Amino acid sequence: MQASKGTRTKTRNVLKKKPRASGLSPITKGLQIFESGEKVNIVIDPSVHKGMPFSRFHGLTGVIVGSRGAAYEVSVKSGNKTKMVVARPEHLVRNVQ
């Protein structure tokens, strides 16, 4: 049988929570508001399937460009290209430096 090539292949460890953090995340994580030009880290929350960015962008830092409905457009540098990632606020964390 041929292996499936879905969007969540090879993500056994990337999309896994620690035992104490299992379950749904707090509601305040989904109610975060970001301004355009703000730096954010993309940290995928596996308990929320909606608005989940592709696993390749997990752990990357980008800049908020705008919003698209309830989600945000994040500009991320991947290799030599700049890519646009659309992700909901549950998967974004403020970059504090």
N, C-alpha and C. Protein backbone atom coordinates (compact mmCIF):
# COMPACT_ATOMS: atom_id res chain seq x y z
N MET A 1 0.83 -1.17 0.00
CA MET A 1 0.00 0.00 0.00
C MET A 1 0.88 1.24 0.00
N GLN A 2 0.49 2.23 -0.77
CA GLN A 2 1.27 3.46 -0.88
C GLN A 2 1.03 4.35 0.34
N ALA A 3 2.11 4.98 0.83
CA ALA A 3 2.00 5.86 2.00
C ALA A 3 1.23 7.13 1.62
N SER A 4 0.41 7.60 2.55
CA SER A 4 -0.34 8.82 2.26
C SER A 4 0.58 10.02 2.28
N LYS A 5 0.22 11.04 1.53
CA LYS A 5 1.03 12.25 1.44
C LYS A 5 0.23 13.45 1.90
N GLY A 6 -0.44 13.32 3.04
CA GLY A 6 -1.26 14.41 3.56
C GLY A 6 -0.42 15.53 4.13
N THR A 7 -1.09 16.58 4.62
CA THR A 7 -0.38 17.75 5.13
C THR A 7 0.27 17.51 6.48
N ARG A 8 -0.11 16.42 7.17
CA ARG A 8 0.46 16.16 8.49
C ARG A 8 1.39 14.94 8.50
N THR A 9 1.93 14.55 7.36
CA THR A 9 2.86 13.43 7.33
C THR A 9 4.19 13.87 7.95
N LYS A 10 4.87 12.92 8.61
CA LYS A 10 6.17 13.13 9.25
C LYS A 10 6.13 14.20 10.33
N THR A 11 5.03 14.28 11.06
CA THR A 11 4.91 15.29 12.12
C THR A 11 4.62 14.65 13.47
N ARG A 12 5.04 13.41 13.67
CA ARG A 12 4.74 12.70 14.92
C ARG A 12 5.29 13.45 16.13
N ASN A 13 6.50 13.99 16.04
CA ASN A 13 7.09 14.70 17.17
C ASN A 13 6.82 16.20 17.14
N VAL A 14 6.69 16.76 15.95
CA VAL A 14 6.44 18.21 15.84
C VAL A 14 5.06 18.55 16.40
N LEU A 15 4.06 17.75 16.05
CA LEU A 15 2.70 18.03 16.49
C LEU A 15 2.32 17.13 17.67
N LYS A 16 3.16 17.12 18.69
CA LYS A 16 2.88 16.34 19.89
C LYS A 16 3.09 17.22 21.10
N LYS A 17 2.14 17.17 22.04
CA LYS A 17 2.27 17.95 23.26
C LYS A 17 2.87 17.10 24.37
N LYS A 18 3.46 17.78 25.33
CA LYS A 18 3.95 17.09 26.52
C LYS A 18 2.73 16.61 27.31
N PRO A 19 2.85 15.54 28.09
CA PRO A 19 1.70 14.99 28.80
C PRO A 19 0.97 15.99 29.70
N ARG A 20 1.68 16.88 30.36
CA ARG A 20 1.03 17.85 31.26
C ARG A 20 0.34 18.98 30.50
N ALA A 21 0.73 19.19 29.25
CA ALA A 21 0.14 20.27 28.45
C ALA A 21 -0.96 19.75 27.54
N SER A 22 -1.32 18.46 27.68
CA SER A 22 -2.29 17.88 26.76
C SER A 22 -3.68 18.47 26.99
N GLY A 23 -4.51 18.34 25.99
CA GLY A 23 -5.85 18.91 26.04
C GLY A 23 -5.89 20.23 25.31
N LEU A 24 -7.02 20.92 25.43
CA LEU A 24 -7.18 22.20 24.75
C LEU A 24 -6.37 23.29 25.43
N SER A 25 -5.91 24.24 24.63
CA SER A 25 -5.19 25.39 25.17
C SER A 25 -6.18 26.42 25.69
N PRO A 26 -5.73 27.40 26.49
CA PRO A 26 -6.65 28.40 27.04
C PRO A 26 -7.32 29.23 25.95
N ILE A 27 -8.53 29.69 26.21
CA ILE A 27 -9.30 30.46 25.24
C ILE A 27 -8.62 31.79 24.92
N THR A 28 -7.85 32.33 25.86
CA THR A 28 -7.19 33.62 25.65
C THR A 28 -6.15 33.56 24.53
N LYS A 29 -5.64 32.36 24.25
CA LYS A 29 -4.68 32.21 23.16
C LYS A 29 -5.33 32.49 21.81
N GLY A 30 -6.59 32.15 21.67
CA GLY A 30 -7.31 32.41 20.44
C GLY A 30 -7.84 33.82 20.33
N LEU A 31 -7.84 34.55 21.44
CA LEU A 31 -8.35 35.92 21.44
C LEU A 31 -7.24 36.97 21.35
N GLN A 32 -6.00 36.53 21.11
CA GLN A 32 -4.89 37.46 20.99
C GLN A 32 -5.10 38.40 19.80
N ILE A 33 -4.64 39.63 19.93
CA ILE A 33 -4.72 40.60 18.83
C ILE A 33 -3.31 41.05 18.51
N PHE A 34 -2.96 41.00 17.24
CA PHE A 34 -1.64 41.40 16.77
C PHE A 34 -1.78 42.60 15.85
N GLU A 35 -0.79 43.48 15.90
CA GLU A 35 -0.74 44.64 15.00
C GLU A 35 0.17 44.30 13.83
N SER A 36 -0.04 44.96 12.69
CA SER A 36 0.83 44.70 11.55
C SER A 36 2.20 45.31 11.83
N GLY A 37 3.24 44.60 11.42
CA GLY A 37 4.61 45.01 11.71
C GLY A 37 5.17 44.35 12.96
N GLU A 38 4.34 43.62 13.70
CA GLU A 38 4.77 42.96 14.93
C GLU A 38 5.45 41.63 14.59
N LYS A 39 6.53 41.31 15.33
CA LYS A 39 7.24 40.05 15.11
C LYS A 39 6.57 38.94 15.92
N VAL A 40 6.36 37.79 15.29
CA VAL A 40 5.75 36.65 15.96
C VAL A 40 6.50 35.37 15.64
N ASN A 41 6.42 34.41 16.56
CA ASN A 41 6.94 33.07 16.33
C ASN A 41 5.77 32.17 15.97
N ILE A 42 5.97 31.29 15.01
CA ILE A 42 4.94 30.33 14.63
C ILE A 42 5.18 29.05 15.43
N VAL A 43 4.30 28.80 16.39
CA VAL A 43 4.37 27.59 17.22
C VAL A 43 3.02 26.90 17.07
N ILE A 44 2.99 25.82 16.32
CA ILE A 44 1.73 25.14 16.01
C ILE A 44 1.16 24.49 17.27
N ASP A 45 -0.11 24.77 17.54
CA ASP A 45 -0.83 24.13 18.64
C ASP A 45 -1.63 22.96 18.06
N PRO A 46 -1.20 21.71 18.31
CA PRO A 46 -1.85 20.57 17.66
C PRO A 46 -3.28 20.32 18.11
N SER A 47 -3.71 20.91 19.24
CA SER A 47 -5.07 20.68 19.70
C SER A 47 -6.08 21.53 18.94
N VAL A 48 -5.62 22.53 18.18
CA VAL A 48 -6.49 23.37 17.37
C VAL A 48 -6.16 23.11 15.91
N HIS A 49 -7.10 22.48 15.18
CA HIS A 49 -6.83 22.11 13.79
C HIS A 49 -7.11 23.26 12.83
N LYS A 50 -8.02 24.15 13.22
CA LYS A 50 -8.42 25.22 12.33
C LYS A 50 -7.32 26.28 12.24
N GLY A 51 -7.02 26.71 11.03
CA GLY A 51 -6.05 27.78 10.84
C GLY A 51 -4.63 27.36 11.13
N MET A 52 -4.35 26.06 11.02
CA MET A 52 -3.02 25.55 11.31
C MET A 52 -2.11 25.74 10.10
N PRO A 53 -0.95 26.40 10.27
CA PRO A 53 -0.03 26.55 9.15
C PRO A 53 0.66 25.22 8.83
N PHE A 54 1.29 25.14 7.67
CA PHE A 54 1.99 23.93 7.27
C PHE A 54 3.14 23.67 8.23
N SER A 55 3.43 22.40 8.50
CA SER A 55 4.40 22.02 9.53
C SER A 55 5.81 22.52 9.24
N ARG A 56 6.12 22.84 8.00
CA ARG A 56 7.44 23.34 7.63
C ARG A 56 7.75 24.67 8.33
N PHE A 57 6.72 25.45 8.67
CA PHE A 57 6.91 26.76 9.25
C PHE A 57 6.92 26.76 10.77
N HIS A 58 6.79 25.59 11.40
CA HIS A 58 6.80 25.48 12.86
C HIS A 58 8.16 25.92 13.40
N GLY A 59 8.17 26.88 14.32
CA GLY A 59 9.40 27.35 14.94
C GLY A 59 10.03 28.54 14.25
N LEU A 60 9.48 29.00 13.14
CA LEU A 60 10.06 30.13 12.43
C LEU A 60 9.49 31.45 12.95
N THR A 61 10.23 32.52 12.74
CA THR A 61 9.82 33.86 13.14
C THR A 61 9.48 34.66 11.91
N GLY A 62 8.40 35.43 12.00
CA GLY A 62 7.96 36.25 10.88
C GLY A 62 7.38 37.57 11.35
N VAL A 63 6.91 38.35 10.39
CA VAL A 63 6.33 39.67 10.67
C VAL A 63 4.88 39.65 10.22
N ILE A 64 3.99 40.17 11.06
CA ILE A 64 2.57 40.28 10.70
C ILE A 64 2.43 41.32 9.60
N VAL A 65 1.82 40.92 8.49
CA VAL A 65 1.61 41.83 7.36
C VAL A 65 0.20 42.39 7.38
N GLY A 66 -0.77 41.57 7.71
CA GLY A 66 -2.16 42.00 7.75
C GLY A 66 -3.02 40.89 8.32
N SER A 67 -4.33 41.09 8.23
CA SER A 67 -5.23 40.06 8.71
C SER A 67 -6.09 39.56 7.57
N ARG A 68 -6.56 38.34 7.71
CA ARG A 68 -7.43 37.72 6.71
C ARG A 68 -8.53 36.99 7.47
N GLY A 69 -9.63 37.68 7.67
CA GLY A 69 -10.71 37.12 8.48
C GLY A 69 -10.28 37.05 9.92
N ALA A 70 -10.37 35.86 10.53
CA ALA A 70 -9.94 35.68 11.91
C ALA A 70 -8.46 35.35 12.00
N ALA A 71 -7.79 35.15 10.85
CA ALA A 71 -6.39 34.76 10.82
C ALA A 71 -5.50 35.96 10.49
N TYR A 72 -4.20 35.72 10.58
CA TYR A 72 -3.22 36.76 10.27
C TYR A 72 -2.30 36.28 9.16
N GLU A 73 -1.85 37.22 8.33
CA GLU A 73 -0.86 36.93 7.30
C GLU A 73 0.51 37.23 7.87
N VAL A 74 1.38 36.22 7.87
CA VAL A 74 2.72 36.36 8.44
C VAL A 74 3.72 36.18 7.31
N SER A 75 4.63 37.14 7.18
CA SER A 75 5.69 37.06 6.18
C SER A 75 6.88 36.36 6.81
N VAL A 76 7.28 35.21 6.23
CA VAL A 76 8.35 34.38 6.78
C VAL A 76 9.42 34.19 5.72
N LYS A 77 10.68 34.27 6.15
CA LYS A 77 11.77 34.02 5.22
C LYS A 77 12.11 32.53 5.28
N SER A 78 11.98 31.86 4.14
CA SER A 78 12.27 30.43 4.05
C SER A 78 13.32 30.24 2.95
N GLY A 79 14.56 30.00 3.37
CA GLY A 79 15.64 29.92 2.39
C GLY A 79 15.93 31.31 1.85
N ASN A 80 15.89 31.47 0.53
CA ASN A 80 16.11 32.77 -0.09
C ASN A 80 14.81 33.46 -0.46
N LYS A 81 13.69 32.83 -0.15
CA LYS A 81 12.39 33.39 -0.54
C LYS A 81 11.64 33.89 0.68
N THR A 82 10.76 34.85 0.44
CA THR A 82 9.85 35.32 1.48
C THR A 82 8.49 34.72 1.18
N LYS A 83 7.92 34.02 2.16
CA LYS A 83 6.64 33.35 1.96
C LYS A 83 5.58 33.96 2.86
N MET A 84 4.33 33.85 2.43
CA MET A 84 3.20 34.35 3.20
C MET A 84 2.50 33.16 3.85
N VAL A 85 2.42 33.17 5.16
CA VAL A 85 1.77 32.10 5.91
C VAL A 85 0.50 32.67 6.53
N VAL A 86 -0.62 31.99 6.34
CA VAL A 86 -1.88 32.41 6.94
C VAL A 86 -2.14 31.49 8.14
N ALA A 87 -2.18 32.10 9.33
CA ALA A 87 -2.34 31.31 10.55
C ALA A 87 -3.24 32.04 11.53
N ARG A 88 -4.02 31.27 12.27
CA ARG A 88 -4.87 31.85 13.30
C ARG A 88 -4.03 32.15 14.55
N PRO A 89 -4.53 33.02 15.43
CA PRO A 89 -3.72 33.45 16.58
C PRO A 89 -3.35 32.34 17.56
N GLU A 90 -4.05 31.20 17.55
CA GLU A 90 -3.68 30.10 18.44
C GLU A 90 -2.29 29.56 18.14
N HIS A 91 -1.83 29.75 16.91
CA HIS A 91 -0.55 29.21 16.48
C HIS A 91 0.54 30.26 16.44
N LEU A 92 0.28 31.44 16.98
CA LEU A 92 1.25 32.53 16.98
C LEU A 92 1.60 32.94 18.40
N VAL A 93 2.87 33.27 18.62
CA VAL A 93 3.36 33.72 19.93
C VAL A 93 4.18 34.98 19.70
N ARG A 94 3.94 36.01 20.54
CA ARG A 94 4.71 37.25 20.43
C ARG A 94 6.19 36.97 20.60
N ASN A 95 7.00 37.63 19.76
CA ASN A 95 8.46 37.50 19.85
C ASN A 95 8.97 38.61 20.75
N VAL A 96 9.39 38.27 21.96
CA VAL A 96 9.88 39.26 22.93
C VAL A 96 11.39 39.26 22.91
N GLN A 97 11.97 40.42 22.57
CA GLN A 97 13.43 40.53 22.55
C GLN A 97 13.88 41.75 23.28
